[in-house]
Amino acid sequence: MASARTDKAHMDKAHADTEWPLRHLVLRGLSWSAPDTPDTAIPIIGLHGWLDNAATFTRIAPALAQLAPMHCIDFPGHGHSEHRPPGQDYVLVDYVADIADLIDRYFEGPVHIVGHSLGGIVGAMYAASFPDRVGRLVMIDSLGPLTLPPEKSAAQLRKGITKRLRGSGAPMTYGAVEDAAKIRAGGLSPLSSEAAHLLVPRNLREVEGGYQWRTDARLRYPSLSRFDEAQVEGFLKAIESPTLFLRAEDGLLGGRESWRGRSRLIPDFREVVVPGSHHCHLDGNVDPVIEAIREFLDPS
């Protein structure tokens, strides 16, 4: 593996703040490792969900790092990674390109990918496009991109452009981290106060009078376009690596039936149902998630 820059001064409970300079921006994240991990172990790449950050893996990474070093990435615009430049959007396929650049630069052989939500989508698309670089793929409460019928494409494009022309309002300032954590706890995918306090600090920056979100406001802009279902099916059929789908009992896929058809498209596919909500790997009892992933990545 090529040498990414790791700040040893920030070591805490076997994890380190790490950065990976790419062609056009710098990705940052958190890396976990164990002293007795064999040199031949296949590295694990952790990819977080939309508006989250690398700290989403805080509760499962130490255990998975007993198998192999685990490198959890902040996607561009998230956490401590750089934002995309003005005039450039956060397009799904660009995240895939970022991960391809990362793996090509810093990892010589195949990697395992553990992705939650958006991270699972990006991981699946990368695994489909670069099958020789992925050993095993884990998707946590995630099974491919959201889709849109072709006849709704024009309306979606109009919605996305309209938001870009209007821009974002003034950023909110919170008096304390606890205030921001409370807002995040009641978000689209609710979190307990404990989980919010693990996730939120990495998404904040200190300013005069308190804290503001580090996350790029453009991440909330509607997509200019989406794949249709046939395109998503094409990606899933192209995945060659053994794939584990961890479906949360109370997750976001419960009310959608499309995942059932998608699950039959990946050649080497297995499903494990785990307790909890969409953030089953961060909130509540995460032991079933750890056990399922460890067994999948280390079947021996």
C-alpha atoms as a PDB file:
ATOM      1  CA  MET A   1       0.000   0.000   0.000  1.00  0.00           C
ATOM      2  CA  ALA A   2       1.271   3.474  -0.823  1.00  0.00           C
ATOM      3  CA  SER A   3       1.863   5.822   2.072  1.00  0.00           C
ATOM      4  CA  ALA A   4      -1.135   7.910   3.115  1.00  0.00           C
ATOM      5  CA  ARG A   5      -0.377  10.663   5.623  1.00  0.00           C
ATOM      6  CA  THR A   6      -1.461   9.698   9.134  1.00  0.00           C
ATOM      7  CA  ASP A   7      -1.339  12.069  12.108  1.00  0.00           C
ATOM      8  CA  LYS A   8       0.003   9.927  14.947  1.00  0.00           C
ATOM      9  CA  ALA A   9      -0.539  12.771  17.403  1.00  0.00           C
ATOM     10  CA  HIS A  10      -4.268  12.149  17.164  1.00  0.00           C
ATOM     11  CA  MET A  11      -4.152   8.462  18.009  1.00  0.00           C
ATOM     12  CA  ASP A  12      -7.025   7.481  20.305  1.00  0.00           C
ATOM     13  CA  LYS A  13      -8.021   3.939  21.198  1.00  0.00           C
ATOM     14  CA  ALA A  14      -6.175   2.439  18.216  1.00  0.00           C
ATOM     15  CA  HIS A  15      -7.568   4.816  15.618  1.00  0.00           C
ATOM     16  CA  ALA A  16      -5.819   7.616  13.760  1.00  0.00           C
ATOM     17  CA  ASP A  17      -6.866  10.640  11.735  1.00  0.00           C
ATOM     18  CA  THR A  18      -5.720   9.928   8.193  1.00  0.00           C
ATOM     19  CA  GLU A  19      -5.685  11.832   4.923  1.00  0.00           C
ATOM     20  CA  TRP A  20      -5.425  10.649   1.339  1.00  0.00           C
ATOM     21  CA  PRO A  21      -4.521  13.306  -1.263  1.00  0.00           C
ATOM     22  CA  LEU A  22      -6.208  12.517  -4.587  1.00  0.00           C
ATOM     23  CA  ARG A  23      -5.904  14.171  -7.988  1.00  0.00           C
ATOM     24  CA  HIS A  24      -8.352  17.004  -7.355  1.00  0.00           C
ATOM     25  CA  LEU A  25      -8.996  17.065  -3.602  1.00  0.00           C
ATOM     26  CA  VAL A  26      -7.977  15.584  -0.271  1.00  0.00           C
ATOM     27  CA  LEU A  27     -10.013  12.908   1.437  1.00  0.00           C
ATOM     28  CA  ARG A  28      -9.701  12.468   5.191  1.00  0.00           C
ATOM     29  CA  GLY A  29     -10.959   9.835   7.549  1.00  0.00           C
ATOM     30  CA  LEU A  30     -10.275   7.518  10.465  1.00  0.00           C
ATOM     31  CA  SER A  31      -8.154   4.364  10.422  1.00  0.00           C
ATOM     32  CA  TRP A  32      -8.200   1.494  12.898  1.00  0.00           C
ATOM     33  CA  SER A  33      -5.592  -1.239  13.166  1.00  0.00           C
ATOM     34  CA  ALA A  34      -4.496  -3.955  15.560  1.00  0.00           C
ATOM     35  CA  PRO A  35      -0.810  -4.724  16.322  1.00  0.00           C
ATOM     36  CA  ASP A  36      -1.097  -8.450  15.588  1.00  0.00           C
ATOM     37  CA  THR A  37      -2.945  -8.182  12.253  1.00  0.00           C
ATOM     38  CA  PRO A  38      -1.090 -10.251   9.611  1.00  0.00           C
ATOM     39  CA  ASP A  39       0.533  -8.319   6.759  1.00  0.00           C
ATOM     40  CA  THR A  40      -1.404 -10.408   4.247  1.00  0.00           C
ATOM     41  CA  ALA A  41      -4.801  -9.273   5.575  1.00  0.00           C
ATOM     42  CA  ILE A  42      -7.018  -7.619   2.968  1.00  0.00           C
ATOM     43  CA  PRO A  43      -7.700  -3.992   4.030  1.00  0.00           C
ATOM     44  CA  ILE A  44     -11.264  -2.931   4.787  1.00  0.00           C
ATOM     45  CA  ILE A  45     -12.626   0.332   3.382  1.00  0.00           C
ATOM     46  CA  GLY A  46     -15.542   1.877   5.294  1.00  0.00           C
ATOM     47  CA  LEU A  47     -17.934   4.135   3.355  1.00  0.00           C
ATOM     48  CA  HIS A  48     -20.499   6.153   5.314  1.00  0.00           C
ATOM     49  CA  GLY A  49     -24.000   7.379   4.521  1.00  0.00           C
ATOM     50  CA  TRP A  50     -25.301  10.707   3.204  1.00  0.00           C
ATOM     51  CA  LEU A  51     -24.549  13.640   5.558  1.00  0.00           C
ATOM     52  CA  ASP A  52     -22.685  11.302   7.949  1.00  0.00           C
ATOM     53  CA  ASN A  53     -18.911  10.818   8.225  1.00  0.00           C
ATOM     54  CA  ALA A  54     -16.228   8.261   9.034  1.00  0.00           C
ATOM     55  CA  ALA A  55     -17.185   8.275  12.733  1.00  0.00           C
ATOM     56  CA  THR A  56     -20.303   6.300  11.821  1.00  0.00           C
ATOM     57  CA  PHE A  57     -18.106   3.186  12.102  1.00  0.00           C
ATOM     58  CA  THR A  58     -16.750   4.049  15.564  1.00  0.00           C
ATOM     59  CA  ARG A  59     -18.569   1.207  17.316  1.00  0.00           C
ATOM     60  CA  ILE A  60     -17.793  -1.608  14.862  1.00  0.00           C
ATOM     61  CA  ALA A  61     -14.375  -0.649  13.448  1.00  0.00           C
ATOM     62  CA  PRO A  62     -12.267  -1.704  16.472  1.00  0.00           C
ATOM     63  CA  ALA A  63     -13.644  -5.242  16.233  1.00  0.00           C
ATOM     64  CA  LEU A  64     -13.299  -5.456  12.451  1.00  0.00           C
ATOM     65  CA  ALA A  65      -9.740  -4.124  12.697  1.00  0.00           C
ATOM     66  CA  GLN A  66      -8.829  -7.359  14.482  1.00  0.00           C
ATOM     67  CA  LEU A  67      -9.203  -8.958  11.027  1.00  0.00           C
ATOM     68  CA  ALA A  68      -7.460  -6.273   8.958  1.00  0.00           C
ATOM     69  CA  PRO A  69      -6.751  -2.540   9.010  1.00  0.00           C
ATOM     70  CA  MET A  70      -9.997  -0.596   8.506  1.00  0.00           C
ATOM     71  CA  HIS A  71      -9.880   2.763   6.770  1.00  0.00           C
ATOM     72  CA  CYS A  72     -13.094   4.787   7.041  1.00  0.00           C
ATOM     73  CA  ILE A  73     -13.425   7.616   4.554  1.00  0.00           C
ATOM     74  CA  ASP A  74     -15.144  10.996   4.792  1.00  0.00           C
ATOM     75  CA  PHE A  75     -16.726  11.483   1.376  1.00  0.00           C
ATOM     76  CA  PRO A  76     -16.062  14.887  -0.272  1.00  0.00           C
ATOM     77  CA  GLY A  77     -18.146  17.587   1.383  1.00  0.00           C
ATOM     78  CA  HIS A  78     -18.540  15.466   4.520  1.00  0.00           C
ATOM     79  CA  GLY A  79     -16.607  15.364   7.779  1.00  0.00           C
ATOM     80  CA  HIS A  80     -13.055  16.649   7.399  1.00  0.00           C
ATOM     81  CA  SER A  81     -12.650  15.960   3.667  1.00  0.00           C
ATOM     82  CA  GLU A  82     -12.377  18.839   1.233  1.00  0.00           C
ATOM     83  CA  HIS A  83     -15.442  20.212  -0.516  1.00  0.00           C
ATOM     84  CA  ARG A  84     -15.891  20.110  -4.251  1.00  0.00           C
ATOM     85  CA  PRO A  85     -15.017  23.423  -5.930  1.00  0.00           C
ATOM     86  CA  PRO A  86     -17.654  26.027  -6.853  1.00  0.00           C
ATOM     87  CA  GLY A  87     -19.652  25.060  -9.896  1.00  0.00           C
ATOM     88  CA  GLN A  88     -19.212  21.324  -9.316  1.00  0.00           C
ATOM     89  CA  ASP A  89     -22.022  19.181  -7.926  1.00  0.00           C
ATOM     90  CA  TYR A  90     -22.058  16.107  -5.691  1.00  0.00           C
ATOM     91  CA  VAL A  91     -22.910  13.501  -8.302  1.00  0.00           C
ATOM     92  CA  LEU A  92     -23.214   9.842  -7.330  1.00  0.00           C
ATOM     93  CA  VAL A  93     -20.820   8.583  -9.995  1.00  0.00           C
ATOM     94  CA  ASP A  94     -18.187  11.108  -8.857  1.00  0.00           C
ATOM     95  CA  TYR A  95     -18.116   9.429  -5.442  1.00  0.00           C
ATOM     96  CA  VAL A  96     -17.371   6.159  -7.251  1.00  0.00           C
ATOM     97  CA  ALA A  97     -14.556   7.889  -9.137  1.00  0.00           C
ATOM     98  CA  ASP A  98     -13.156   9.249  -5.854  1.00  0.00           C
ATOM     99  CA  ILE A  99     -13.039   5.754  -4.345  1.00  0.00           C
ATOM    100  CA  ALA A 100     -11.472   4.372  -7.516  1.00  0.00           C
ATOM    101  CA  ASP A 101      -8.749   7.044  -7.285  1.00  0.00           C
ATOM    102  CA  LEU A 102      -8.213   6.298  -3.577  1.00  0.00           C
ATOM    103  CA  ILE A 103      -7.886   2.543  -4.041  1.00  0.00           C
ATOM    104  CA  ASP A 104      -5.710   2.874  -7.131  1.00  0.00           C
ATOM    105  CA  ARG A 105      -3.289   5.214  -5.339  1.00  0.00           C
ATOM    106  CA  TYR A 106      -3.051   3.663  -1.885  1.00  0.00           C
ATOM    107  CA  PHE A 107      -3.890  -0.046  -2.117  1.00  0.00           C
ATOM    108  CA  GLU A 108      -1.954  -2.526  -4.219  1.00  0.00           C
ATOM    109  CA  GLY A 109      -4.297  -5.504  -4.080  1.00  0.00           C
ATOM    110  CA  PRO A 110      -8.004  -6.065  -3.552  1.00  0.00           C
ATOM    111  CA  VAL A 111      -9.906  -4.499  -0.672  1.00  0.00           C
ATOM    112  CA  HIS A 112     -13.053  -5.381   1.233  1.00  0.00           C
ATOM    113  CA  ILE A 113     -15.731  -2.677   1.262  1.00  0.00           C
ATOM    114  CA  VAL A 114     -18.199  -2.091   4.105  1.00  0.00           C
ATOM    115  CA  GLY A 115     -20.699   0.583   3.127  1.00  0.00           C
ATOM    116  CA  HIS A 116     -23.700   2.035   4.935  1.00  0.00           C
ATOM    117  CA  SER A 117     -26.573   3.625   2.989  1.00  0.00           C
ATOM    118  CA  LEU A 118     -24.939   5.943   0.397  1.00  0.00           C
ATOM    119  CA  GLY A 119     -21.654   4.164   1.130  1.00  0.00           C
ATOM    120  CA  GLY A 120     -23.234   0.827   0.268  1.00  0.00           C
ATOM    121  CA  ILE A 121     -24.493   2.257  -3.015  1.00  0.00           C
ATOM    122  CA  VAL A 122     -21.072   3.646  -3.915  1.00  0.00           C
ATOM    123  CA  GLY A 123     -19.421   0.380  -2.863  1.00  0.00           C
ATOM    124  CA  ALA A 124     -21.775  -1.660  -5.039  1.00  0.00           C
ATOM    125  CA  MET A 125     -21.200   0.545  -8.081  1.00  0.00           C
ATOM    126  CA  TYR A 126     -17.436   0.403  -7.564  1.00  0.00           C
ATOM    127  CA  ALA A 127     -17.508  -3.387  -7.132  1.00  0.00           C
ATOM    128  CA  ALA A 128     -19.512  -3.703 -10.350  1.00  0.00           C
ATOM    129  CA  SER A 129     -17.167  -1.439 -12.298  1.00  0.00           C
ATOM    130  CA  PHE A 130     -13.848  -2.734 -10.882  1.00  0.00           C
ATOM    131  CA  PRO A 131     -14.558  -6.369  -9.915  1.00  0.00           C
ATOM    132  CA  ASP A 132     -10.874  -7.295  -9.685  1.00  0.00           C
ATOM    133  CA  ARG A 133     -10.316  -4.729  -6.894  1.00  0.00           C
ATOM    134  CA  VAL A 134     -13.014  -5.901  -4.464  1.00  0.00           C
ATOM    135  CA  GLY A 135     -12.624  -9.051  -2.390  1.00  0.00           C
ATOM    136  CA  ARG A 136     -15.938  -8.907  -0.507  1.00  0.00           C
ATOM    137  CA  LEU A 137     -18.710  -6.340  -0.342  1.00  0.00           C
ATOM    138  CA  VAL A 138     -20.909  -5.533   2.669  1.00  0.00           C
ATOM    139  CA  MET A 139     -23.948  -3.259   2.300  1.00  0.00           C
ATOM    140  CA  ILE A 140     -25.629  -2.074   5.515  1.00  0.00           C
ATOM    141  CA  ASP A 141     -29.321  -1.206   4.997  1.00  0.00           C
ATOM    142  CA  SER A 142     -28.508  -0.395   1.387  1.00  0.00           C
ATOM    143  CA  LEU A 143     -29.107  -2.192  -1.907  1.00  0.00           C
ATOM    144  CA  GLY A 144     -28.490   0.092  -4.853  1.00  0.00           C
ATOM    145  CA  PRO A 145     -29.367   3.675  -5.816  1.00  0.00           C
ATOM    146  CA  LEU A 146     -32.713   5.384  -5.696  1.00  0.00           C
ATOM    147  CA  THR A 147     -34.289   5.322  -9.153  1.00  0.00           C
ATOM    148  CA  LEU A 148     -36.581   7.482 -11.244  1.00  0.00           C
ATOM    149  CA  PRO A 149     -38.790   6.547 -14.214  1.00  0.00           C
ATOM    150  CA  PRO A 150     -37.507   8.164 -17.431  1.00  0.00           C
ATOM    151  CA  GLU A 151     -40.703  10.183 -17.862  1.00  0.00           C
ATOM    152  CA  LYS A 152     -39.909  12.075 -14.632  1.00  0.00           C
ATOM    153  CA  SER A 153     -36.386  13.072 -15.697  1.00  0.00           C
ATOM    154  CA  ALA A 154     -37.309  16.549 -16.934  1.00  0.00           C
ATOM    155  CA  ALA A 155     -39.100  17.433 -13.699  1.00  0.00           C
ATOM    156  CA  GLN A 156     -36.133  16.174 -11.666  1.00  0.00           C
ATOM    157  CA  LEU A 157     -33.712  18.275 -13.722  1.00  0.00           C
ATOM    158  CA  ARG A 158     -35.886  21.371 -13.288  1.00  0.00           C
ATOM    159  CA  LYS A 159     -36.073  20.792  -9.527  1.00  0.00           C
ATOM    160  CA  GLY A 160     -32.320  20.407  -9.233  1.00  0.00           C
ATOM    161  CA  ILE A 161     -31.439  23.429 -11.351  1.00  0.00           C
ATOM    162  CA  THR A 162     -33.982  25.632  -9.570  1.00  0.00           C
ATOM    163  CA  LYS A 163     -32.371  24.855  -6.197  1.00  0.00           C
ATOM    164  CA  ARG A 164     -28.898  25.591  -7.537  1.00  0.00           C
ATOM    165  CA  LEU A 165     -30.013  28.961  -8.851  1.00  0.00           C
ATOM    166  CA  ARG A 166     -31.547  29.858  -5.484  1.00  0.00           C
ATOM    167  CA  GLY A 167     -28.564  28.669  -3.479  1.00  0.00           C
ATOM    168  CA  SER A 168     -28.413  28.040   0.265  1.00  0.00           C
ATOM    169  CA  GLY A 169     -29.417  30.262   3.140  1.00  0.00           C
ATOM    170  CA  ALA A 170     -27.162  31.532   5.917  1.00  0.00           C
ATOM    171  CA  PRO A 171     -25.640  28.702   7.989  1.00  0.00           C
ATOM    172  CA  MET A 172     -27.121  27.996  11.411  1.00  0.00           C
ATOM    173  CA  THR A 173     -24.879  28.593  14.441  1.00  0.00           C
ATOM    174  CA  TYR A 174     -25.327  26.319  17.470  1.00  0.00           C
ATOM    175  CA  GLY A 175     -24.238  27.445  20.923  1.00  0.00           C
ATOM    176  CA  ALA A 176     -22.915  23.998  21.851  1.00  0.00           C
ATOM    177  CA  VAL A 177     -22.192  20.602  20.300  1.00  0.00           C
ATOM    178  CA  GLU A 178     -25.138  19.230  22.293  1.00  0.00           C
ATOM    179  CA  ASP A 179     -27.519  21.553  20.430  1.00  0.00           C
ATOM    180  CA  ALA A 180     -26.359  20.279  17.039  1.00  0.00           C
ATOM    181  CA  ALA A 181     -26.468  16.671  18.270  1.00  0.00           C
ATOM    182  CA  LYS A 182     -30.067  17.151  19.365  1.00  0.00           C
ATOM    183  CA  ILE A 183     -31.018  18.376  15.894  1.00  0.00           C
ATOM    184  CA  ARG A 184     -29.277  15.405  14.262  1.00  0.00           C
ATOM    185  CA  ALA A 185     -30.882  12.939  16.664  1.00  0.00           C
ATOM    186  CA  GLY A 186     -34.311  13.962  15.349  1.00  0.00           C
ATOM    187  CA  GLY A 187     -33.340  13.929  11.667  1.00  0.00           C
ATOM    188  CA  LEU A 188     -34.633  11.952   8.696  1.00  0.00           C
ATOM    189  CA  SER A 189     -33.076   8.777  10.124  1.00  0.00           C
ATOM    190  CA  PRO A 190     -33.384   9.364  13.898  1.00  0.00           C
ATOM    191  CA  LEU A 191     -30.523   8.529  16.259  1.00  0.00           C
ATOM    192  CA  SER A 192     -30.239   8.117  19.994  1.00  0.00           C
ATOM    193  CA  SER A 193     -28.498  10.929  21.835  1.00  0.00           C
ATOM    194  CA  GLU A 194     -25.477   8.666  22.395  1.00  0.00           C
ATOM    195  CA  ALA A 195     -25.139   7.835  18.691  1.00  0.00           C
ATOM    196  CA  ALA A 196     -25.624  11.468  17.649  1.00  0.00           C
ATOM    197  CA  HIS A 197     -22.823  12.543  19.989  1.00  0.00           C
ATOM    198  CA  LEU A 198     -20.497   9.977  18.366  1.00  0.00           C
ATOM    199  CA  LEU A 199     -21.318  11.142  14.846  1.00  0.00           C
ATOM    200  CA  VAL A 200     -21.947  14.889  15.009  1.00  0.00           C
ATOM    201  CA  PRO A 201     -18.656  16.423  16.313  1.00  0.00           C
ATOM    202  CA  ARG A 202     -16.777  15.388  13.165  1.00  0.00           C
ATOM    203  CA  ASN A 203     -19.346  17.265  11.077  1.00  0.00           C
ATOM    204  CA  LEU A 204     -18.931  20.527  13.034  1.00  0.00           C
ATOM    205  CA  ARG A 205     -16.493  23.425  12.928  1.00  0.00           C
ATOM    206  CA  GLU A 206     -16.011  25.977  15.674  1.00  0.00           C
ATOM    207  CA  VAL A 207     -16.872  29.583  14.787  1.00  0.00           C
ATOM    208  CA  GLU A 208     -17.410  32.781  16.717  1.00  0.00           C
ATOM    209  CA  GLY A 209     -20.445  32.222  18.909  1.00  0.00           C
ATOM    210  CA  GLY A 210     -20.541  28.446  18.673  1.00  0.00           C
ATOM    211  CA  TYR A 211     -20.514  25.765  15.981  1.00  0.00           C
ATOM    212  CA  GLN A 212     -21.599  25.392  12.370  1.00  0.00           C
ATOM    213  CA  TRP A 213     -21.849  22.352  10.115  1.00  0.00           C
ATOM    214  CA  ARG A 214     -18.702  21.484   8.192  1.00  0.00           C
ATOM    215  CA  THR A 215     -20.778  19.555   5.680  1.00  0.00           C
ATOM    216  CA  ASP A 216     -21.219  21.304   2.343  1.00  0.00           C
ATOM    217  CA  ALA A 217     -24.726  22.781   2.069  1.00  0.00           C
ATOM    218  CA  ARG A 218     -24.805  21.676  -1.585  1.00  0.00           C
ATOM    219  CA  LEU A 219     -25.112  18.078  -0.425  1.00  0.00           C
ATOM    220  CA  ARG A 220     -28.782  18.800   0.248  1.00  0.00           C
ATOM    221  CA  TYR A 221     -29.483  19.950  -3.304  1.00  0.00           C
ATOM    222  CA  PRO A 222     -31.733  17.596  -5.305  1.00  0.00           C
ATOM    223  CA  SER A 223     -29.956  15.377  -7.817  1.00  0.00           C
ATOM    224  CA  LEU A 224     -30.075  16.667 -11.367  1.00  0.00           C
ATOM    225  CA  SER A 225     -30.782  13.147 -12.596  1.00  0.00           C
ATOM    226  CA  ARG A 226     -31.169   9.584 -11.365  1.00  0.00           C
ATOM    227  CA  PHE A 227     -30.693   6.143 -12.812  1.00  0.00           C
ATOM    228  CA  ASP A 228     -33.720   4.160 -13.886  1.00  0.00           C
ATOM    229  CA  GLU A 229     -34.273   0.657 -12.534  1.00  0.00           C
ATOM    230  CA  ALA A 230     -32.837  -1.074 -15.605  1.00  0.00           C
ATOM    231  CA  GLN A 231     -29.521   0.736 -15.145  1.00  0.00           C
ATOM    232  CA  VAL A 232     -29.354  -0.228 -11.473  1.00  0.00           C
ATOM    233  CA  GLU A 233     -30.083  -3.840 -12.385  1.00  0.00           C
ATOM    234  CA  GLY A 234     -27.152  -3.715 -14.793  1.00  0.00           C
ATOM    235  CA  PHE A 235     -24.799  -2.629 -12.006  1.00  0.00           C
ATOM    236  CA  LEU A 236     -26.009  -5.289  -9.568  1.00  0.00           C
ATOM    237  CA  LYS A 237     -25.684  -8.084 -12.144  1.00  0.00           C
ATOM    238  CA  ALA A 238     -22.070  -7.024 -12.760  1.00  0.00           C
ATOM    239  CA  ILE A 239     -20.996  -7.515  -9.118  1.00  0.00           C
ATOM    240  CA  GLU A 240     -18.707 -10.547  -8.968  1.00  0.00           C
ATOM    241  CA  SER A 241     -17.550 -10.390  -5.344  1.00  0.00           C
ATOM    242  CA  PRO A 242     -19.341 -12.279  -2.569  1.00  0.00           C
ATOM    243  CA  THR A 243     -21.855  -9.796  -1.166  1.00  0.00           C
ATOM    244  CA  LEU A 244     -23.486  -9.479   2.245  1.00  0.00           C
ATOM    245  CA  PHE A 245     -26.653  -7.419   2.644  1.00  0.00           C
ATOM    246  CA  LEU A 246     -27.311  -6.476   6.273  1.00  0.00           C
ATOM    247  CA  ARG A 247     -30.968  -5.486   6.437  1.00  0.00           C
ATOM    248  CA  ALA A 248     -32.022  -3.607   9.556  1.00  0.00           C
ATOM    249  CA  GLU A 249     -35.347  -4.788  10.992  1.00  0.00           C
ATOM    250  CA  ASP A 250     -36.553  -1.197  11.349  1.00  0.00           C
ATOM    251  CA  GLY A 251     -34.456   0.280   8.540  1.00  0.00           C
ATOM    252  CA  LEU A 252     -35.312   2.331   5.483  1.00  0.00           C
ATOM    253  CA  LEU A 253     -35.883  -0.618   3.161  1.00  0.00           C
ATOM    254  CA  GLY A 254     -38.754  -2.092   5.151  1.00  0.00           C
ATOM    255  CA  GLY A 255     -41.436  -0.187   3.253  1.00  0.00           C
ATOM    256  CA  ARG A 256     -39.888  -0.766  -0.172  1.00  0.00           C
ATOM    257  CA  GLU A 257     -40.314  -4.023  -2.043  1.00  0.00           C
ATOM    258  CA  SER A 258     -37.873  -3.257  -4.873  1.00  0.00           C
ATOM    259  CA  TRP A 259     -34.964  -4.658  -2.843  1.00  0.00           C
ATOM    260  CA  ARG A 260     -36.421  -8.169  -3.061  1.00  0.00           C
ATOM    261  CA  GLY A 261     -36.016  -8.241  -6.816  1.00  0.00           C
ATOM    262  CA  ARG A 262     -32.604  -6.611  -6.604  1.00  0.00           C
ATOM    263  CA  SER A 263     -31.368  -9.234  -4.163  1.00  0.00           C
ATOM    264  CA  ARG A 264     -31.759 -11.906  -6.841  1.00  0.00           C
ATOM    265  CA  LEU A 265     -29.543 -10.082  -9.322  1.00  0.00           C
ATOM    266  CA  ILE A 266     -26.195 -10.328  -7.482  1.00  0.00           C
ATOM    267  CA  PRO A 267     -24.657 -13.732  -8.292  1.00  0.00           C
ATOM    268  CA  ASP A 268     -23.072 -14.449  -4.873  1.00  0.00           C
ATOM    269  CA  PHE A 269     -25.517 -12.856  -2.446  1.00  0.00           C
ATOM    270  CA  ARG A 270     -26.471 -13.483   1.137  1.00  0.00           C
ATOM    271  CA  GLU A 271     -28.780 -11.575   3.463  1.00  0.00           C
ATOM    272  CA  VAL A 272     -28.687 -11.258   7.237  1.00  0.00           C
ATOM    273  CA  VAL A 273     -31.417  -9.431   9.161  1.00  0.00           C
ATOM    274  CA  VAL A 274     -30.123  -7.518  12.178  1.00  0.00           C
ATOM    275  CA  PRO A 275     -32.012  -5.661  14.910  1.00  0.00           C
ATOM    276  CA  GLY A 276     -32.180  -1.898  14.902  1.00  0.00           C
ATOM    277  CA  SER A 277     -32.879   1.059  12.659  1.00  0.00           C
ATOM    278  CA  HIS A 278     -31.105   2.458   9.603  1.00  0.00           C
ATOM    279  CA  HIS A 279     -27.971   3.123  11.704  1.00  0.00           C
ATOM    280  CA  CYS A 280     -27.916  -0.407  13.140  1.00  0.00           C
ATOM    281  CA  HIS A 281     -24.098  -0.353  13.034  1.00  0.00           C
ATOM    282  CA  LEU A 282     -23.900   2.745  15.254  1.00  0.00           C
ATOM    283  CA  ASP A 283     -27.016   2.838  17.403  1.00  0.00           C
ATOM    284  CA  GLY A 284     -28.187   0.303  19.996  1.00  0.00           C
ATOM    285  CA  ASN A 285     -26.812  -3.231  20.139  1.00  0.00           C
ATOM    286  CA  VAL A 286     -24.246  -3.482  17.336  1.00  0.00           C
ATOM    287  CA  ASP A 287     -22.981  -6.957  18.244  1.00  0.00           C
ATOM    288  CA  PRO A 288     -25.127  -8.734  15.602  1.00  0.00           C
ATOM    289  CA  VAL A 289     -23.706  -6.429  12.939  1.00  0.00           C
ATOM    290  CA  ILE A 290     -20.133  -7.091  14.062  1.00  0.00           C
ATOM    291  CA  GLU A 291     -20.688 -10.848  14.210  1.00  0.00           C
ATOM    292  CA  ALA A 292     -22.262 -11.014  10.752  1.00  0.00           C
ATOM    293  CA  ILE A 293     -19.518  -8.964   9.116  1.00  0.00           C
ATOM    294  CA  ARG A 294     -16.681 -10.787  10.875  1.00  0.00           C
ATOM    295  CA  GLU A 295     -18.087 -14.169   9.849  1.00  0.00           C
ATOM    296  CA  PHE A 296     -18.516 -12.978   6.266  1.00  0.00           C
ATOM    297  CA  LEU A 297     -15.069 -11.423   5.904  1.00  0.00           C
ATOM    298  CA  ASP A 298     -13.313 -14.284   7.694  1.00  0.00           C
ATOM    299  CA  PRO A 299     -15.304 -17.447   6.856  1.00  0.00           C
ATOM    300  CA  SER A 300     -12.452 -19.697   8.038  1.00  0.00           C
END
